[in-house]
PDB file of N, CA and C in Angstrom:
ATOM      1  N   MET A   1      86.161 -76.825 -47.300  1.00  0.00           N
ATOM      2  CA  MET A   1      84.780 -76.428 -47.180  1.00  0.00           C
ATOM      3  C   MET A   1      84.709 -74.908 -47.031  1.00  0.00           C
ATOM      4  N   GLU A   2      83.884 -74.266 -47.837  1.00  0.00           N
ATOM      5  CA  GLU A   2      83.764 -72.817 -47.797  1.00  0.00           C
ATOM      6  C   GLU A   2      82.761 -72.391 -46.747  1.00  0.00           C
ATOM      7  N   ASN A   3      83.031 -71.255 -46.125  1.00  0.00           N
ATOM      8  CA  ASN A   3      82.121 -70.700 -45.126  1.00  0.00           C
ATOM      9  C   ASN A   3      81.418 -69.469 -45.676  1.00  0.00           C
ATOM     10  N   ARG A   4      80.907 -69.577 -46.886  1.00  0.00           N
ATOM     11  CA  ARG A   4      80.187 -68.459 -47.470  1.00  0.00           C
ATOM     12  C   ARG A   4      78.737 -68.501 -47.040  1.00  0.00           C
ATOM     13  N   LYS A   5      78.216 -67.331 -46.775  1.00  0.00           N
ATOM     14  CA  LYS A   5      76.815 -67.219 -46.386  1.00  0.00           C
ATOM     15  C   LYS A   5      75.955 -67.349 -47.641  1.00  0.00           C
ATOM     16  N   LYS A   6      74.945 -68.196 -47.590  1.00  0.00           N
ATOM     17  CA  LYS A   6      74.058 -68.383 -48.735  1.00  0.00           C
ATOM     18  C   LYS A   6      73.191 -67.147 -48.925  1.00  0.00           C
ATOM     19  N   GLN A   7      73.113 -66.688 -50.163  1.00  0.00           N
ATOM     20  CA  GLN A   7      72.274 -65.542 -50.485  1.00  0.00           C
ATOM     21  C   GLN A   7      70.806 -65.925 -50.388  1.00  0.00           C
ATOM     22  N   PRO A   8      69.949 -65.019 -49.882  1.00  0.00           N
ATOM     23  CA  PRO A   8      68.521 -65.329 -49.827  1.00  0.00           C
ATOM     24  C   PRO A   8      67.959 -65.482 -51.238  1.00  0.00           C
ATOM     25  N   GLU A   9      66.994 -66.353 -51.365  1.00  0.00           N
ATOM     26  CA  GLU A   9      66.375 -66.588 -52.672  1.00  0.00           C
ATOM     27  C   GLU A   9      65.641 -65.332 -53.123  1.00  0.00           C
ATOM     28  N   LEU A  10      65.834 -64.966 -54.365  1.00  0.00           N
ATOM     29  CA  LEU A  10      65.180 -63.802 -54.936  1.00  0.00           C
ATOM     30  C   LEU A  10      63.754 -64.165 -55.320  1.00  0.00           C
ATOM     31  N   ARG A  11      62.802 -63.381 -54.894  1.00  0.00           N
ATOM     32  CA  ARG A  11      61.393 -63.654 -55.141  1.00  0.00           C
ATOM     33  C   ARG A  11      60.907 -62.790 -56.310  1.00  0.00           C
ATOM     34  N   ILE A  12      61.327 -63.142 -57.507  1.00  0.00           N
ATOM     35  CA  ILE A  12      61.007 -62.368 -58.702  1.00  0.00           C
ATOM     36  C   ILE A  12      59.506 -62.359 -58.979  1.00  0.00           C
ATOM     37  N   GLN A  13      58.859 -63.484 -58.778  1.00  0.00           N
ATOM     38  CA  GLN A  13      57.461 -63.593 -59.162  1.00  0.00           C
ATOM     39  C   GLN A  13      56.594 -62.531 -58.495  1.00  0.00           C
ATOM     40  N   ASN A  14      57.018 -61.961 -57.392  1.00  0.00           N
ATOM     41  CA  ASN A  14      56.240 -60.925 -56.721  1.00  0.00           C
ATOM     42  C   ASN A  14      56.511 -59.544 -57.299  1.00  0.00           C
ATOM     43  N   SER A  15      57.417 -59.436 -58.256  1.00  0.00           N
ATOM     44  CA  SER A  15      57.782 -58.142 -58.801  1.00  0.00           C
ATOM     45  C   SER A  15      56.811 -57.657 -59.865  1.00  0.00           C
ATOM     46  N   VAL A  16      56.181 -58.574 -60.535  1.00  0.00           N
ATOM     47  CA  VAL A  16      55.295 -58.222 -61.633  1.00  0.00           C
ATOM     48  C   VAL A  16      53.872 -58.552 -61.223  1.00  0.00           C
ATOM     49  N   PRO A  17      52.959 -57.582 -61.348  1.00  0.00           N
ATOM     50  CA  PRO A  17      51.575 -57.869 -60.976  1.00  0.00           C
ATOM     51  C   PRO A  17      51.025 -59.047 -61.761  1.00  0.00           C
ATOM     52  N   GLU A  18      50.279 -59.909 -61.085  1.00  0.00           N
ATOM     53  CA  GLU A  18      49.723 -61.092 -61.732  1.00  0.00           C
ATOM     54  C   GLU A  18      48.646 -60.740 -62.754  1.00  0.00           C
ATOM     55  N   GLU A  19      47.773 -59.806 -62.389  1.00  0.00           N
ATOM     56  CA  GLU A  19      46.682 -59.453 -63.279  1.00  0.00           C
ATOM     57  C   GLU A  19      46.990 -58.134 -63.963  1.00  0.00           C
ATOM     58  N   GLU A  20      46.902 -58.158 -65.268  1.00  0.00           N
ATOM     59  CA  GLU A  20      47.138 -56.951 -66.039  1.00  0.00           C
ATOM     60  C   GLU A  20      45.817 -56.203 -66.181  1.00  0.00           C
ATOM     61  N   PRO A  21      45.810 -54.910 -65.848  1.00  0.00           N
ATOM     62  CA  PRO A  21      44.572 -54.151 -66.017  1.00  0.00           C
ATOM     63  C   PRO A  21      44.202 -54.023 -67.494  1.00  0.00           C
ATOM     64  N   ASP A  22      42.943 -53.750 -67.736  1.00  0.00           N
ATOM     65  CA  ASP A  22      42.448 -53.592 -69.101  1.00  0.00           C
ATOM     66  C   ASP A  22      42.878 -52.232 -69.637  1.00  0.00           C
ATOM     67  N   ILE A  23      43.960 -52.209 -70.385  1.00  0.00           N
ATOM     68  CA  ILE A  23      44.468 -50.931 -70.877  1.00  0.00           C
ATOM     69  C   ILE A  23      43.575 -50.347 -71.974  1.00  0.00           C
ATOM     70  N   LEU A  24      42.751 -51.167 -72.602  1.00  0.00           N
ATOM     71  CA  LEU A  24      41.852 -50.649 -73.633  1.00  0.00           C
ATOM     72  C   LEU A  24      40.781 -49.748 -73.034  1.00  0.00           C
ATOM     73  N   GLY A  25      40.470 -49.940 -71.772  1.00  0.00           N
ATOM     74  CA  GLY A  25      39.471 -49.126 -71.107  1.00  0.00           C
ATOM     75  C   GLY A  25      40.032 -47.906 -70.400  1.00  0.00           C
ATOM     76  N   MET A  26      41.324 -47.686 -70.509  1.00  0.00           N
ATOM     77  CA  MET A  26      41.964 -46.570 -69.810  1.00  0.00           C
ATOM     78  C   MET A  26      42.068 -45.354 -70.719  1.00  0.00           C
ATOM     79  N   ASP A  27      41.939 -44.180 -70.095  1.00  0.00           N
ATOM     80  CA  ASP A  27      42.191 -42.943 -70.840  1.00  0.00           C
ATOM     81  C   ASP A  27      43.693 -42.649 -70.768  1.00  0.00           C
ATOM     82  N   PRO A  28      44.172 -41.660 -71.536  1.00  0.00           N
ATOM     83  CA  PRO A  28      45.614 -41.392 -71.551  1.00  0.00           C
ATOM     84  C   PRO A  28      46.216 -41.108 -70.175  1.00  0.00           C
ATOM     85  N   ALA A  29      45.511 -40.402 -69.319  1.00  0.00           N
ATOM     86  CA  ALA A  29      46.044 -40.102 -67.982  1.00  0.00           C
ATOM     87  C   ALA A  29      46.207 -41.387 -67.166  1.00  0.00           C
ATOM     88  N   GLU A  30      45.234 -42.276 -67.253  1.00  0.00           N
ATOM     89  CA  GLU A  30      45.324 -43.556 -66.534  1.00  0.00           C
ATOM     90  C   GLU A  30      46.458 -44.403 -67.085  1.00  0.00           C
ATOM     91  N   LEU A  31      46.620 -44.395 -68.400  1.00  0.00           N
ATOM     92  CA  LEU A  31      47.714 -45.146 -69.020  1.00  0.00           C
ATOM     93  C   LEU A  31      49.069 -44.620 -68.559  1.00  0.00           C
ATOM     94  N   LYS A  32      49.191 -43.304 -68.469  1.00  0.00           N
ATOM     95  CA  LYS A  32      50.458 -42.711 -68.027  1.00  0.00           C
ATOM     96  C   LYS A  32      50.744 -43.059 -66.568  1.00  0.00           C
ATOM     97  N   ASP A  33      49.714 -43.082 -65.738  1.00  0.00           N
ATOM     98  CA  ASP A  33      49.898 -43.482 -64.339  1.00  0.00           C
ATOM     99  C   ASP A  33      50.338 -44.948 -64.254  1.00  0.00           C
ATOM    100  N   TYR A  34      49.687 -45.789 -65.031  1.00  0.00           N
ATOM    101  CA  TYR A  34      50.033 -47.210 -65.045  1.00  0.00           C
ATOM    102  C   TYR A  34      51.459 -47.397 -65.558  1.00  0.00           C
ATOM    103  N   LEU A  35      51.816 -46.640 -66.595  1.00  0.00           N
ATOM    104  CA  LEU A  35      53.163 -46.718 -67.150  1.00  0.00           C
ATOM    105  C   LEU A  35      54.204 -46.309 -66.110  1.00  0.00           C
ATOM    106  N   ALA A  36      53.905 -45.282 -65.335  1.00  0.00           N
ATOM    107  CA  ALA A  36      54.830 -44.852 -64.285  1.00  0.00           C
ATOM    108  C   ALA A  36      55.027 -45.970 -63.262  1.00  0.00           C
ATOM    109  N   ARG A  37      53.950 -46.670 -62.912  1.00  0.00           N
ATOM    110  CA  ARG A  37      54.075 -47.790 -61.960  1.00  0.00           C
ATOM    111  C   ARG A  37      54.916 -48.910 -62.565  1.00  0.00           C
ATOM    112  N   LEU A  38      54.716 -49.175 -63.852  1.00  0.00           N
ATOM    113  CA  LEU A  38      55.513 -50.218 -64.513  1.00  0.00           C
ATOM    114  C   LEU A  38      56.996 -49.836 -64.556  1.00  0.00           C
ATOM    115  N   TYR A  39      57.285 -48.564 -64.840  1.00  0.00           N
ATOM    116  CA  TYR A  39      58.677 -48.113 -64.843  1.00  0.00           C
ATOM    117  C   TYR A  39      59.303 -48.262 -63.453  1.00  0.00           C
ATOM    118  N   ALA A  40      58.538 -47.960 -62.406  1.00  0.00           N
ATOM    119  CA  ALA A  40      59.043 -48.117 -61.042  1.00  0.00           C
ATOM    120  C   ALA A  40      59.323 -49.587 -60.739  1.00  0.00           C
ATOM    121  N   LEU A  41      58.435 -50.466 -61.186  1.00  0.00           N
ATOM    122  CA  LEU A  41      58.664 -51.899 -61.001  1.00  0.00           C
ATOM    123  C   LEU A  41      59.920 -52.352 -61.732  1.00  0.00           C
ATOM    124  N   ARG A  42      60.110 -51.826 -62.949  1.00  0.00           N
ATOM    125  CA  ARG A  42      61.298 -52.205 -63.723  1.00  0.00           C
ATOM    126  C   ARG A  42      62.571 -51.722 -63.033  1.00  0.00           C
ATOM    127  N   LYS A  43      62.519 -50.520 -62.494  1.00  0.00           N
ATOM    128  CA  LYS A  43      63.695 -49.992 -61.788  1.00  0.00           C
ATOM    129  C   LYS A  43      64.030 -50.879 -60.587  1.00  0.00           C
ATOM    130  N   ASP A  44      63.008 -51.260 -59.838  1.00  0.00           N
ATOM    131  CA  ASP A  44      63.217 -52.145 -58.693  1.00  0.00           C
ATOM    132  C   ASP A  44      63.765 -53.495 -59.145  1.00  0.00           C
ATOM    133  N   LEU A  45      63.185 -54.032 -60.196  1.00  0.00           N
ATOM    134  CA  LEU A  45      63.630 -55.324 -60.714  1.00  0.00           C
ATOM    135  C   LEU A  45      65.078 -55.245 -61.206  1.00  0.00           C
ATOM    136  N   ASP A  46      65.410 -54.161 -61.905  1.00  0.00           N
ATOM    137  CA  ASP A  46      66.781 -53.982 -62.384  1.00  0.00           C
ATOM    138  C   ASP A  46      67.781 -53.938 -61.236  1.00  0.00           C
ATOM    139  N   SER A  47      67.369 -53.345 -60.118  1.00  0.00           N
ATOM    140  CA  SER A  47      68.282 -53.235 -58.976  1.00  0.00           C
ATOM    141  C   SER A  47      68.541 -54.585 -58.312  1.00  0.00           C
ATOM    142  N   ARG A  48      67.713 -55.572 -58.631  1.00  0.00           N
ATOM    143  CA  ARG A  48      67.862 -56.892 -58.018  1.00  0.00           C
ATOM    144  C   ARG A  48      68.344 -57.944 -59.022  1.00  0.00           C
ATOM    145  N   GLU A  49      68.984 -57.492 -60.102  1.00  0.00           N
ATOM    146  CA  GLU A  49      69.491 -58.440 -61.096  1.00  0.00           C
ATOM    147  C   GLU A  49      70.556 -59.343 -60.482  1.00  0.00           C
ATOM    148  N   PRO A  50      70.344 -60.655 -60.557  1.00  0.00           N
ATOM    149  CA  PRO A  50      71.352 -61.584 -60.026  1.00  0.00           C
ATOM    150  C   PRO A  50      72.661 -61.474 -60.806  1.00  0.00           C
ATOM    151  N   GLY A  51      73.749 -61.653 -60.126  1.00  0.00           N
ATOM    152  CA  GLY A  51      75.056 -61.532 -60.756  1.00  0.00           C
ATOM    153  C   GLY A  51      75.440 -62.724 -61.612  1.00  0.00           C
ATOM    154  N   ASN A  52      74.945 -63.895 -61.272  1.00  0.00           N
ATOM    155  CA  ASN A  52      75.327 -65.108 -61.995  1.00  0.00           C
ATOM    156  C   ASN A  52      74.322 -65.390 -63.106  1.00  0.00           C
ATOM    157  N   GLU A  53      74.723 -65.104 -64.336  1.00  0.00           N
ATOM    158  CA  GLU A  53      73.831 -65.285 -65.477  1.00  0.00           C
ATOM    159  C   GLU A  53      73.531 -66.754 -65.770  1.00  0.00           C
ATOM    160  N   GLU A  54      74.228 -67.656 -65.133  1.00  0.00           N
ATOM    161  CA  GLU A  54      74.022 -69.085 -65.343  1.00  0.00           C
ATOM    162  C   GLU A  54      73.081 -69.689 -64.302  1.00  0.00           C
ATOM    163  N   SER A  55      72.580 -68.871 -63.380  1.00  0.00           N
ATOM    164  CA  SER A  55      71.773 -69.388 -62.284  1.00  0.00           C
ATOM    165  C   SER A  55      70.288 -69.437 -62.628  1.00  0.00           C
ATOM    166  N   GLU A  56      69.565 -70.238 -61.865  1.00  0.00           N
ATOM    167  CA  GLU A  56      68.113 -70.316 -62.013  1.00  0.00           C
ATOM    168  C   GLU A  56      67.470 -68.987 -61.611  1.00  0.00           C
ATOM    169  N   GLU A  57      68.050 -68.329 -60.608  1.00  0.00           N
ATOM    170  CA  GLU A  57      67.529 -67.034 -60.182  1.00  0.00           C
ATOM    171  C   GLU A  57      67.608 -66.023 -61.319  1.00  0.00           C
ATOM    172  N   TYR A  58      68.707 -66.079 -62.083  1.00  0.00           N
ATOM    173  CA  TYR A  58      68.841 -65.164 -63.208  1.00  0.00           C
ATOM    174  C   TYR A  58      67.792 -65.471 -64.272  1.00  0.00           C
ATOM    175  N   ASP A  59      67.554 -66.744 -64.538  1.00  0.00           N
ATOM    176  CA  ASP A  59      66.530 -67.122 -65.516  1.00  0.00           C
ATOM    177  C   ASP A  59      65.164 -66.599 -65.100  1.00  0.00           C
ATOM    178  N   ASP A  60      64.828 -66.741 -63.821  1.00  0.00           N
ATOM    179  CA  ASP A  60      63.552 -66.226 -63.302  1.00  0.00           C
ATOM    180  C   ASP A  60      63.493 -64.709 -63.442  1.00  0.00           C
ATOM    181  N   TRP A  61      64.599 -64.063 -63.096  1.00  0.00           N
ATOM    182  CA  TRP A  61      64.673 -62.608 -63.210  1.00  0.00           C
ATOM    183  C   TRP A  61      64.482 -62.172 -64.661  1.00  0.00           C
ATOM    184  N   ALA A  62      65.171 -62.839 -65.578  1.00  0.00           N
ATOM    185  CA  ALA A  62      65.086 -62.479 -66.996  1.00  0.00           C
ATOM    186  C   ALA A  62      63.663 -62.663 -67.530  1.00  0.00           C
ATOM    187  N   ASP A  63      62.999 -63.739 -67.124  1.00  0.00           N
ATOM    188  CA  ASP A  63      61.604 -63.962 -67.544  1.00  0.00           C
ATOM    189  C   ASP A  63      60.697 -62.842 -67.032  1.00  0.00           C
ATOM    190  N   ALA A  64      60.858 -62.479 -65.768  1.00  0.00           N
ATOM    191  CA  ALA A  64      60.042 -61.405 -65.191  1.00  0.00           C
ATOM    192  C   ALA A  64      60.341 -60.071 -65.872  1.00  0.00           C
ATOM    193  N   HIS A  65      61.610 -59.831 -66.175  1.00  0.00           N
ATOM    194  CA  HIS A  65      62.006 -58.581 -66.837  1.00  0.00           C
ATOM    195  C   HIS A  65      61.396 -58.512 -68.232  1.00  0.00           C
ATOM    196  N   GLU A  66      61.441 -59.608 -68.954  1.00  0.00           N
ATOM    197  CA  GLU A  66      60.871 -59.637 -70.303  1.00  0.00           C
ATOM    198  C   GLU A  66      59.355 -59.403 -70.267  1.00  0.00           C
ATOM    199  N   GLU A  67      58.684 -60.026 -69.312  1.00  0.00           N
ATOM    200  CA  GLU A  67      57.238 -59.834 -69.171  1.00  0.00           C
ATOM    201  C   GLU A  67      56.915 -58.369 -68.873  1.00  0.00           C
ATOM    202  N   LEU A  68      57.689 -57.773 -68.009  1.00  0.00           N
ATOM    203  CA  LEU A  68      57.483 -56.376 -67.663  1.00  0.00           C
ATOM    204  C   LEU A  68      57.736 -55.466 -68.861  1.00  0.00           C
ATOM    205  N   GLU A  69      58.793 -55.734 -69.610  1.00  0.00           N
ATOM    206  CA  GLU A  69      59.080 -54.962 -70.821  1.00  0.00           C
ATOM    207  C   GLU A  69      57.936 -55.081 -71.833  1.00  0.00           C
ATOM    208  N   ASP A  70      57.375 -56.280 -71.971  1.00  0.00           N
ATOM    209  CA  ASP A  70      56.243 -56.473 -72.880  1.00  0.00           C
ATOM    210  C   ASP A  70      55.046 -55.624 -72.452  1.00  0.00           C
ATOM    211  N   ARG A  71      54.772 -55.587 -71.152  1.00  0.00           N
ATOM    212  CA  ARG A  71      53.662 -54.775 -70.654  1.00  0.00           C
ATOM    213  C   ARG A  71      53.906 -53.293 -70.913  1.00  0.00           C
ATOM    214  N   ILE A  72      55.119 -52.850 -70.697  1.00  0.00           N
ATOM    215  CA  ILE A  72      55.461 -51.455 -70.966  1.00  0.00           C
ATOM    216  C   ILE A  72      55.232 -51.140 -72.436  1.00  0.00           C
ATOM    217  N   ASP A  73      55.676 -52.016 -73.326  1.00  0.00           N
ATOM    218  CA  ASP A  73      55.482 -51.807 -74.763  1.00  0.00           C
ATOM    219  C   ASP A  73      54.005 -51.743 -75.135  1.00  0.00           C
ATOM    220  N   GLU A  74      53.184 -52.597 -74.518  1.00  0.00           N
ATOM    221  CA  GLU A  74      51.750 -52.587 -74.795  1.00  0.00           C
ATOM    222  C   GLU A  74      51.120 -51.253 -74.403  1.00  0.00           C
ATOM    223  N   VAL A  75      51.515 -50.727 -73.251  1.00  0.00           N
ATOM    224  CA  VAL A  75      50.967 -49.445 -72.799  1.00  0.00           C
ATOM    225  C   VAL A  75      51.437 -48.319 -73.717  1.00  0.00           C
ATOM    226  N   LEU A  76      52.711 -48.332 -74.095  1.00  0.00           N
ATOM    227  CA  LEU A  76      53.215 -47.310 -75.010  1.00  0.00           C
ATOM    228  C   LEU A  76      52.497 -47.373 -76.356  1.00  0.00           C
ATOM    229  N   ASP A  77      52.267 -48.575 -76.860  1.00  0.00           N
ATOM    230  CA  ASP A  77      51.530 -48.730 -78.122  1.00  0.00           C
ATOM    231  C   ASP A  77      50.116 -48.179 -78.001  1.00  0.00           C
ATOM    232  N   ARG A  78      49.457 -48.460 -76.869  1.00  0.00           N
ATOM    233  CA  ARG A  78      48.097 -47.970 -76.661  1.00  0.00           C
ATOM    234  C   ARG A  78      48.073 -46.452 -76.585  1.00  0.00           C
ATOM    235  N   LEU A  79      49.048 -45.853 -75.925  1.00  0.00           N
ATOM    236  CA  LEU A  79      49.132 -44.392 -75.885  1.00  0.00           C
ATOM    237  C   LEU A  79      49.312 -43.817 -77.283  1.00  0.00           C
ATOM    238  N   ASP A  80      50.128 -44.464 -78.097  1.00  0.00           N
ATOM    239  CA  ASP A  80      50.309 -44.021 -79.487  1.00  0.00           C
ATOM    240  C   ASP A  80      48.997 -44.094 -80.264  1.00  0.00           C
ATOM    241  N   GLU A  81      48.222 -45.155 -80.033  1.00  0.00           N
ATOM    242  CA  GLU A  81      46.941 -45.299 -80.724  1.00  0.00           C
ATOM    243  C   GLU A  81      45.978 -44.175 -80.372  1.00  0.00           C
ATOM    244  N   LEU A  82      46.052 -43.693 -79.145  1.00  0.00           N
ATOM    245  CA  LEU A  82      45.124 -42.662 -78.685  1.00  0.00           C
ATOM    246  C   LEU A  82      45.548 -41.245 -79.104  1.00  0.00           C
ATOM    247  N   ASN A  83      46.786 -41.103 -79.539  1.00  0.00           N
ATOM    248  CA  ASN A  83      47.259 -39.767 -79.966  1.00  0.00           C
ATOM    249  C   ASN A  83      47.083 -39.549 -81.435  1.00  0.00           C
TER     250      ASN A  83
END
């Protein structure tokens, strides 16, 4: 029997905001501020990547990471449209 301490469950769902702001109504400065917040969230999420790629925690992490990347791409696309 192993005496390993169980790792606390990773709460990925709290890493990505539930409601996405209306980026169509934002000016470039607001978009850049929002993008900076998304980059900070991604950095935090990256720092909490589970080590076991076969785990459920990793699957949750990967889903949250993909959602965050999609949001970042949407904001970057919108900034391109405005330039």
